[in-house]
Amino acid sequence: MSTENIKSKRYNEIITSSNINSYIGERLRDISNENKSLGYWKLYDKSDPKEDGDQIRAVFGICFMIGVLFTLGCYSFFG
């Protein structure tokens, strides 16, 4: 019996596809449980007492600036 067969046999006994599948399955279940407990992200959550509305103001500000730049660009191009 050569040492190559012993090494490959040990590897096959230690790491099999079922071990890998169970490991991946456990990790995916852990991630899905974490996401369920955290819920999903909202831009403005009225039920949260710490919510100060800064995210909605930031999005509004970015959209406003894009609108202003688009309007000025159209005015410059056509005017």
PDB file of N, CA and C in Angstrom:
ATOM      1  N   MET A   1       0.835  -1.165   0.000  1.00  0.00           N
ATOM      2  CA  MET A   1       0.000   0.000   0.000  1.00  0.00           C
ATOM      3  C   MET A   1       0.891   1.243   0.000  1.00  0.00           C
ATOM      4  N   SER A   2       0.635   2.133  -0.896  1.00  0.00           N
ATOM      5  CA  SER A   2       1.468   3.327  -0.984  1.00  0.00           C
ATOM      6  C   SER A   2       0.894   4.433  -0.107  1.00  0.00           C
ATOM      7  N   THR A   3       1.725   5.407   0.165  1.00  0.00           N
ATOM      8  CA  THR A   3       1.269   6.515   1.014  1.00  0.00           C
ATOM      9  C   THR A   3       0.281   7.404   0.280  1.00  0.00           C
ATOM     10  N   GLU A   4       0.326   7.397  -1.049  1.00  0.00           N
ATOM     11  CA  GLU A   4      -0.622   8.216  -1.806  1.00  0.00           C
ATOM     12  C   GLU A   4      -2.042   7.724  -1.590  1.00  0.00           C
ATOM     13  N   ASN A   5      -2.262   6.430  -1.567  1.00  0.00           N
ATOM     14  CA  ASN A   5      -3.597   5.890  -1.337  1.00  0.00           C
ATOM     15  C   ASN A   5      -4.092   6.210   0.065  1.00  0.00           C
ATOM     16  N   ILE A   6      -3.198   6.142   1.031  1.00  0.00           N
ATOM     17  CA  ILE A   6      -3.589   6.435   2.409  1.00  0.00           C
ATOM     18  C   ILE A   6      -3.984   7.907   2.527  1.00  0.00           C
ATOM     19  N   LYS A   7      -3.208   8.797   1.909  1.00  0.00           N
ATOM     20  CA  LYS A   7      -3.512  10.223   1.979  1.00  0.00           C
ATOM     21  C   LYS A   7      -4.837  10.537   1.284  1.00  0.00           C
ATOM     22  N   SER A   8      -5.060   9.959   0.123  1.00  0.00           N
ATOM     23  CA  SER A   8      -6.302  10.230  -0.588  1.00  0.00           C
ATOM     24  C   SER A   8      -7.486   9.617   0.145  1.00  0.00           C
ATOM     25  N   LYS A   9      -7.288   8.460   0.770  1.00  0.00           N
ATOM     26  CA  LYS A   9      -8.367   7.826   1.517  1.00  0.00           C
ATOM     27  C   LYS A   9      -8.732   8.674   2.734  1.00  0.00           C
ATOM     28  N   ARG A  10      -7.742   9.202   3.436  1.00  0.00           N
ATOM     29  CA  ARG A  10      -8.003  10.070   4.577  1.00  0.00           C
ATOM     30  C   ARG A  10      -8.763  11.322   4.145  1.00  0.00           C
ATOM     31  N   TYR A  11      -8.331  11.894   3.041  1.00  0.00           N
ATOM     32  CA  TYR A  11      -8.991  13.095   2.532  1.00  0.00           C
ATOM     33  C   TYR A  11     -10.441  12.785   2.185  1.00  0.00           C
ATOM     34  N   ASN A  12     -10.681  11.673   1.533  1.00  0.00           N
ATOM     35  CA  ASN A  12     -12.043  11.307   1.159  1.00  0.00           C
ATOM     36  C   ASN A  12     -12.899  10.997   2.377  1.00  0.00           C
ATOM     37  N   GLU A  13     -12.301  10.452   3.423  1.00  0.00           N
ATOM     38  CA  GLU A  13     -13.069  10.164   4.625  1.00  0.00           C
ATOM     39  C   GLU A  13     -13.385  11.438   5.404  1.00  0.00           C
ATOM     40  N   ILE A  14     -12.473  12.360   5.410  1.00  0.00           N
ATOM     41  CA  ILE A  14     -12.666  13.584   6.190  1.00  0.00           C
ATOM     42  C   ILE A  14     -13.613  14.544   5.478  1.00  0.00           C
ATOM     43  N   ILE A  15     -13.363  14.795   4.221  1.00  0.00           N
ATOM     44  CA  ILE A  15     -14.150  15.773   3.476  1.00  0.00           C
ATOM     45  C   ILE A  15     -14.927  15.048   2.387  1.00  0.00           C
ATOM     46  N   THR A  16     -16.233  15.018   2.556  1.00  0.00           N
ATOM     47  CA  THR A  16     -17.108  14.437   1.542  1.00  0.00           C
ATOM     48  C   THR A  16     -18.086  15.507   1.094  1.00  0.00           C
ATOM     49  N   SER A  17     -18.792  15.213   0.043  1.00  0.00           N
ATOM     50  CA  SER A  17     -19.736  16.199  -0.462  1.00  0.00           C
ATOM     51  C   SER A  17     -20.865  16.440   0.534  1.00  0.00           C
ATOM     52  N   SER A  18     -21.237  15.429   1.296  1.00  0.00           N
ATOM     53  CA  SER A  18     -22.311  15.631   2.267  1.00  0.00           C
ATOM     54  C   SER A  18     -21.855  16.565   3.381  1.00  0.00           C
ATOM     55  N   ASN A  19     -20.582  16.485   3.775  1.00  0.00           N
ATOM     56  CA  ASN A  19     -20.065  17.409   4.791  1.00  0.00           C
ATOM     57  C   ASN A  19     -20.082  18.843   4.275  1.00  0.00           C
ATOM     58  N   ILE A  20     -19.676  19.004   3.058  1.00  0.00           N
ATOM     59  CA  ILE A  20     -19.651  20.344   2.470  1.00  0.00           C
ATOM     60  C   ILE A  20     -21.074  20.874   2.321  1.00  0.00           C
ATOM     61  N   ASN A  21     -21.995  20.043   1.857  1.00  0.00           N
ATOM     62  CA  ASN A  21     -23.385  20.472   1.703  1.00  0.00           C
ATOM     63  C   ASN A  21     -24.010  20.846   3.042  1.00  0.00           C
ATOM     64  N   SER A  22     -23.733  20.058   4.069  1.00  0.00           N
ATOM     65  CA  SER A  22     -24.312  20.379   5.376  1.00  0.00           C
ATOM     66  C   SER A  22     -23.712  21.677   5.918  1.00  0.00           C
ATOM     67  N   TYR A  23     -22.421  21.913   5.701  1.00  0.00           N
ATOM     68  CA  TYR A  23     -21.779  23.148   6.154  1.00  0.00           C
ATOM     69  C   TYR A  23     -22.400  24.358   5.453  1.00  0.00           C
ATOM     70  N   ILE A  24     -22.555  24.265   4.144  1.00  0.00           N
ATOM     71  CA  ILE A  24     -23.136  25.372   3.380  1.00  0.00           C
ATOM     72  C   ILE A  24     -24.587  25.582   3.799  1.00  0.00           C
ATOM     73  N   GLY A  25     -25.320  24.503   3.997  1.00  0.00           N
ATOM     74  CA  GLY A  25     -26.710  24.617   4.423  1.00  0.00           C
ATOM     75  C   GLY A  25     -26.849  25.293   5.772  1.00  0.00           C
ATOM     76  N   GLU A  26     -25.965  24.943   6.718  1.00  0.00           N
ATOM     77  CA  GLU A  26     -26.002  25.585   8.032  1.00  0.00           C
ATOM     78  C   GLU A  26     -25.722  27.073   7.922  1.00  0.00           C
ATOM     79  N   ARG A  27     -24.742  27.444   7.109  1.00  0.00           N
ATOM     80  CA  ARG A  27     -24.408  28.861   6.964  1.00  0.00           C
ATOM     81  C   ARG A  27     -25.556  29.635   6.328  1.00  0.00           C
ATOM     82  N   LEU A  28     -26.203  29.035   5.332  1.00  0.00           N
ATOM     83  CA  LEU A  28     -27.328  29.716   4.700  1.00  0.00           C
ATOM     84  C   LEU A  28     -28.500  29.864   5.662  1.00  0.00           C
ATOM     85  N   ARG A  29     -28.735  28.866   6.490  1.00  0.00           N
ATOM     86  CA  ARG A  29     -29.802  28.974   7.489  1.00  0.00           C
ATOM     87  C   ARG A  29     -29.480  30.058   8.511  1.00  0.00           C
ATOM     88  N   ASP A  30     -28.214  30.149   8.908  1.00  0.00           N
ATOM     89  CA  ASP A  30     -27.810  31.189   9.860  1.00  0.00           C
ATOM     90  C   ASP A  30     -28.046  32.578   9.276  1.00  0.00           C
ATOM     91  N   ILE A  31     -27.674  32.759   8.023  1.00  0.00           N
ATOM     92  CA  ILE A  31     -27.847  34.063   7.379  1.00  0.00           C
ATOM     93  C   ILE A  31     -29.326  34.400   7.249  1.00  0.00           C
ATOM     94  N   SER A  32     -30.152  33.424   6.840  1.00  0.00           N
ATOM     95  CA  SER A  32     -31.570  33.710   6.666  1.00  0.00           C
ATOM     96  C   SER A  32     -32.238  33.999   8.004  1.00  0.00           C
ATOM     97  N   ASN A  33     -31.795  33.338   9.084  1.00  0.00           N
ATOM     98  CA  ASN A  33     -32.362  33.621  10.405  1.00  0.00           C
ATOM     99  C   ASN A  33     -31.975  35.008  10.878  1.00  0.00           C
ATOM    100  N   GLU A  34     -30.750  35.429  10.597  1.00  0.00           N
ATOM    101  CA  GLU A  34     -30.323  36.775  10.971  1.00  0.00           C
ATOM    102  C   GLU A  34     -31.136  37.822  10.232  1.00  0.00           C
ATOM    103  N   ASN A  35     -31.379  37.598   8.939  1.00  0.00           N
ATOM    104  CA  ASN A  35     -32.140  38.570   8.158  1.00  0.00           C
ATOM    105  C   ASN A  35     -33.583  38.645   8.620  1.00  0.00           C
ATOM    106  N   LYS A  36     -34.161  37.522   9.019  1.00  0.00           N
ATOM    107  CA  LYS A  36     -35.544  37.541   9.488  1.00  0.00           C
ATOM    108  C   LYS A  36     -35.660  38.280  10.811  1.00  0.00           C
ATOM    109  N   SER A  37     -34.680  38.103  11.669  1.00  0.00           N
ATOM    110  CA  SER A  37     -34.755  38.778  12.962  1.00  0.00           C
ATOM    111  C   SER A  37     -34.507  40.276  12.827  1.00  0.00           C
ATOM    112  N   LEU A  38     -33.695  40.676  11.860  1.00  0.00           N
ATOM    113  CA  LEU A  38     -33.401  42.093  11.673  1.00  0.00           C
ATOM    114  C   LEU A  38     -34.480  42.805  10.869  1.00  0.00           C
ATOM    115  N   GLY A  39     -35.220  42.061  10.098  1.00  0.00           N
ATOM    116  CA  GLY A  39     -36.206  42.684   9.232  1.00  0.00           C
ATOM    117  C   GLY A  39     -35.547  43.204   7.978  1.00  0.00           C
ATOM    118  N   TYR A  40     -36.143  44.178   7.364  1.00  0.00           N
ATOM    119  CA  TYR A  40     -35.559  44.758   6.169  1.00  0.00           C
ATOM    120  C   TYR A  40     -35.390  46.256   6.370  1.00  0.00           C
ATOM    121  N   TRP A  41     -34.573  46.835   5.563  1.00  0.00           N
ATOM    122  CA  TRP A  41     -34.210  48.229   5.712  1.00  0.00           C
ATOM    123  C   TRP A  41     -35.286  49.113   5.108  1.00  0.00           C
ATOM    124  N   LYS A  42     -35.637  50.150   5.833  1.00  0.00           N
ATOM    125  CA  LYS A  42     -36.598  51.129   5.347  1.00  0.00           C
ATOM    126  C   LYS A  42     -35.904  52.483   5.256  1.00  0.00           C
ATOM    127  N   LEU A  43     -36.316  53.260   4.315  1.00  0.00           N
ATOM    128  CA  LEU A  43     -35.748  54.586   4.168  1.00  0.00           C
ATOM    129  C   LEU A  43     -36.193  55.496   5.301  1.00  0.00           C
ATOM    130  N   TYR A  44     -37.445  55.379   5.701  1.00  0.00           N
ATOM    131  CA  TYR A  44     -37.968  56.184   6.791  1.00  0.00           C
ATOM    132  C   TYR A  44     -38.924  55.314   7.596  1.00  0.00           C
ATOM    133  N   ASP A  45     -38.567  55.009   8.820  1.00  0.00           N
ATOM    134  CA  ASP A  45     -39.356  54.137   9.680  1.00  0.00           C
ATOM    135  C   ASP A  45     -39.955  54.972  10.807  1.00  0.00           C
ATOM    136  N   LYS A  46     -41.248  55.227  10.734  1.00  0.00           N
ATOM    137  CA  LYS A  46     -41.908  56.068  11.725  1.00  0.00           C
ATOM    138  C   LYS A  46     -41.987  55.385  13.092  1.00  0.00           C
ATOM    139  N   SER A  47     -41.941  54.059  13.122  1.00  0.00           N
ATOM    140  CA  SER A  47     -42.076  53.349  14.390  1.00  0.00           C
ATOM    141  C   SER A  47     -40.778  53.354  15.203  1.00  0.00           C
ATOM    142  N   ASP A  48     -39.660  53.713  14.570  1.00  0.00           N
ATOM    143  CA  ASP A  48     -38.380  53.742  15.276  1.00  0.00           C
ATOM    144  C   ASP A  48     -38.226  55.073  16.009  1.00  0.00           C
ATOM    145  N   PRO A  49     -38.058  55.034  17.351  1.00  0.00           N
ATOM    146  CA  PRO A  49     -37.937  56.302  18.082  1.00  0.00           C
ATOM    147  C   PRO A  49     -36.645  57.063  17.782  1.00  0.00           C
ATOM    148  N   LYS A  50     -35.617  56.373  17.295  1.00  0.00           N
ATOM    149  CA  LYS A  50     -34.344  57.033  16.979  1.00  0.00           C
ATOM    150  C   LYS A  50     -34.327  57.656  15.585  1.00  0.00           C
ATOM    151  N   GLU A  51     -35.375  57.437  14.820  1.00  0.00           N
ATOM    152  CA  GLU A  51     -35.404  57.933  13.438  1.00  0.00           C
ATOM    153  C   GLU A  51     -35.486  59.450  13.423  1.00  0.00           C
ATOM    154  N   ASP A  52     -34.538  60.075  12.732  1.00  0.00           N
ATOM    155  CA  ASP A  52     -34.543  61.534  12.643  1.00  0.00           C
ATOM    156  C   ASP A  52     -34.785  62.023  11.223  1.00  0.00           C
ATOM    157  N   GLY A  53     -34.964  61.127  10.276  1.00  0.00           N
ATOM    158  CA  GLY A  53     -35.297  61.525   8.917  1.00  0.00           C
ATOM    159  C   GLY A  53     -34.119  61.952   8.085  1.00  0.00           C
ATOM    160  N   ASP A  54     -32.899  61.677   8.524  1.00  0.00           N
ATOM    161  CA  ASP A  54     -31.734  62.135   7.772  1.00  0.00           C
ATOM    162  C   ASP A  54     -31.564  61.378   6.460  1.00  0.00           C
ATOM    163  N   GLN A  55     -31.952  60.123   6.429  1.00  0.00           N
ATOM    164  CA  GLN A  55     -31.795  59.353   5.185  1.00  0.00           C
ATOM    165  C   GLN A  55     -32.738  59.851   4.109  1.00  0.00           C
ATOM    166  N   ILE A  56     -33.969  60.133   4.476  1.00  0.00           N
ATOM    167  CA  ILE A  56     -34.932  60.616   3.488  1.00  0.00           C
ATOM    168  C   ILE A  56     -34.534  62.009   3.000  1.00  0.00           C
ATOM    169  N   ARG A  57     -33.975  62.823   3.883  1.00  0.00           N
ATOM    170  CA  ARG A  57     -33.508  64.147   3.462  1.00  0.00           C
ATOM    171  C   ARG A  57     -32.319  64.046   2.514  1.00  0.00           C
ATOM    172  N   ALA A  58     -31.429  63.080   2.773  1.00  0.00           N
ATOM    173  CA  ALA A  58     -30.273  62.899   1.897  1.00  0.00           C
ATOM    174  C   ALA A  58     -30.717  62.464   0.499  1.00  0.00           C
ATOM    175  N   VAL A  59     -31.647  61.522   0.429  1.00  0.00           N
ATOM    176  CA  VAL A  59     -32.148  61.071  -0.875  1.00  0.00           C
ATOM    177  C   VAL A  59     -32.864  62.207  -1.588  1.00  0.00           C
ATOM    178  N   PHE A  60     -33.670  62.961  -0.864  1.00  0.00           N
ATOM    179  CA  PHE A  60     -34.364  64.097  -1.471  1.00  0.00           C
ATOM    180  C   PHE A  60     -33.360  65.132  -1.991  1.00  0.00           C
ATOM    181  N   GLY A  61     -32.308  65.399  -1.215  1.00  0.00           N
ATOM    182  CA  GLY A  61     -31.293  66.364  -1.635  1.00  0.00           C
ATOM    183  C   GLY A  61     -30.556  65.924  -2.889  1.00  0.00           C
ATOM    184  N   ILE A  62     -30.225  64.647  -2.961  1.00  0.00           N
ATOM    185  CA  ILE A  62     -29.531  64.135  -4.154  1.00  0.00           C
ATOM    186  C   ILE A  62     -30.434  64.230  -5.374  1.00  0.00           C
ATOM    187  N   CYS A  63     -31.691  63.833  -5.232  1.00  0.00           N
ATOM    188  CA  CYS A  63     -32.628  63.909  -6.364  1.00  0.00           C
ATOM    189  C   CYS A  63     -32.873  65.357  -6.781  1.00  0.00           C
ATOM    190  N   PHE A  64     -32.952  66.244  -5.795  1.00  0.00           N
ATOM    191  CA  PHE A  64     -33.149  67.663  -6.096  1.00  0.00           C
ATOM    192  C   PHE A  64     -31.969  68.219  -6.887  1.00  0.00           C
ATOM    193  N   MET A  65     -30.749  67.883  -6.470  1.00  0.00           N
ATOM    194  CA  MET A  65     -29.567  68.383  -7.174  1.00  0.00           C
ATOM    195  C   MET A  65     -29.489  67.817  -8.595  1.00  0.00           C
ATOM    196  N   ILE A  66     -29.823  66.558  -8.772  1.00  0.00           N
ATOM    197  CA  ILE A  66     -29.836  65.980 -10.122  1.00  0.00           C
ATOM    198  C   ILE A  66     -30.859  66.710 -10.983  1.00  0.00           C
ATOM    199  N   GLY A  67     -32.030  67.003 -10.414  1.00  0.00           N
ATOM    200  CA  GLY A  67     -33.054  67.738 -11.157  1.00  0.00           C
ATOM    201  C   GLY A  67     -32.601  69.133 -11.535  1.00  0.00           C
ATOM    202  N   VAL A  68     -31.956  69.832 -10.604  1.00  0.00           N
ATOM    203  CA  VAL A  68     -31.462  71.191 -10.880  1.00  0.00           C
ATOM    204  C   VAL A  68     -30.387  71.156 -11.961  1.00  0.00           C
ATOM    205  N   LEU A  69     -29.450  70.229 -11.842  1.00  0.00           N
ATOM    206  CA  LEU A  69     -28.390  70.135 -12.857  1.00  0.00           C
ATOM    207  C   LEU A  69     -28.955  69.766 -14.228  1.00  0.00           C
ATOM    208  N   PHE A  70     -29.950  68.897 -14.256  1.00  0.00           N
ATOM    209  CA  PHE A  70     -30.576  68.531 -15.526  1.00  0.00           C
ATOM    210  C   PHE A  70     -31.287  69.738 -16.135  1.00  0.00           C
ATOM    211  N   THR A  71     -32.002  70.488 -15.298  1.00  0.00           N
ATOM    212  CA  THR A  71     -32.713  71.675 -15.787  1.00  0.00           C
ATOM    213  C   THR A  71     -31.735  72.731 -16.307  1.00  0.00           C
ATOM    214  N   LEU A  72     -30.677  72.979 -15.574  1.00  0.00           N
ATOM    215  CA  LEU A  72     -29.669  73.947 -16.025  1.00  0.00           C
ATOM    216  C   LEU A  72     -28.979  73.477 -17.300  1.00  0.00           C
ATOM    217  N   GLY A  73     -28.720  72.201 -17.387  1.00  0.00           N
ATOM    218  CA  GLY A  73     -28.104  71.655 -18.597  1.00  0.00           C
ATOM    219  C   GLY A  73     -28.993  71.799 -19.817  1.00  0.00           C
ATOM    220  N   CYS A  74     -30.277  71.520 -19.631  1.00  0.00           N
ATOM    221  CA  CYS A  74     -31.227  71.698 -20.748  1.00  0.00           C
ATOM    222  C   CYS A  74     -31.353  73.167 -21.137  1.00  0.00           C
ATOM    223  N   TYR A  75     -31.382  74.052 -20.141  1.00  0.00           N
ATOM    224  CA  TYR A  75     -31.473  75.484 -20.412  1.00  0.00           C
ATOM    225  C   TYR A  75     -30.235  75.977 -21.171  1.00  0.00           C
ATOM    226  N   SER A  76     -29.055  75.488 -20.757  1.00  0.00           N
ATOM    227  CA  SER A  76     -27.821  75.892 -21.429  1.00  0.00           C
ATOM    228  C   SER A  76     -27.756  75.345 -22.848  1.00  0.00           C
ATOM    229  N   PHE A  77     -28.228  74.152 -23.039  1.00  0.00           N
ATOM    230  CA  PHE A  77     -28.136  73.517 -24.346  1.00  0.00           C
ATOM    231  C   PHE A  77     -29.132  74.130 -25.343  1.00  0.00           C
ATOM    232  N   PHE A  78     -30.357  74.366 -24.879  1.00  0.00           N
ATOM    233  CA  PHE A  78     -31.381  74.851 -25.781  1.00  0.00           C
ATOM    234  C   PHE A  78     -31.493  76.371 -25.778  1.00  0.00           C
ATOM    235  N   GLY A  79     -30.889  77.048 -24.828  1.00  0.00           N
ATOM    236  CA  GLY A  79     -31.080  78.485 -24.701  1.00  0.00           C
ATOM    237  C   GLY A  79     -30.024  79.281 -25.272  1.00  0.00           C
TER     238      GLY A  79
END
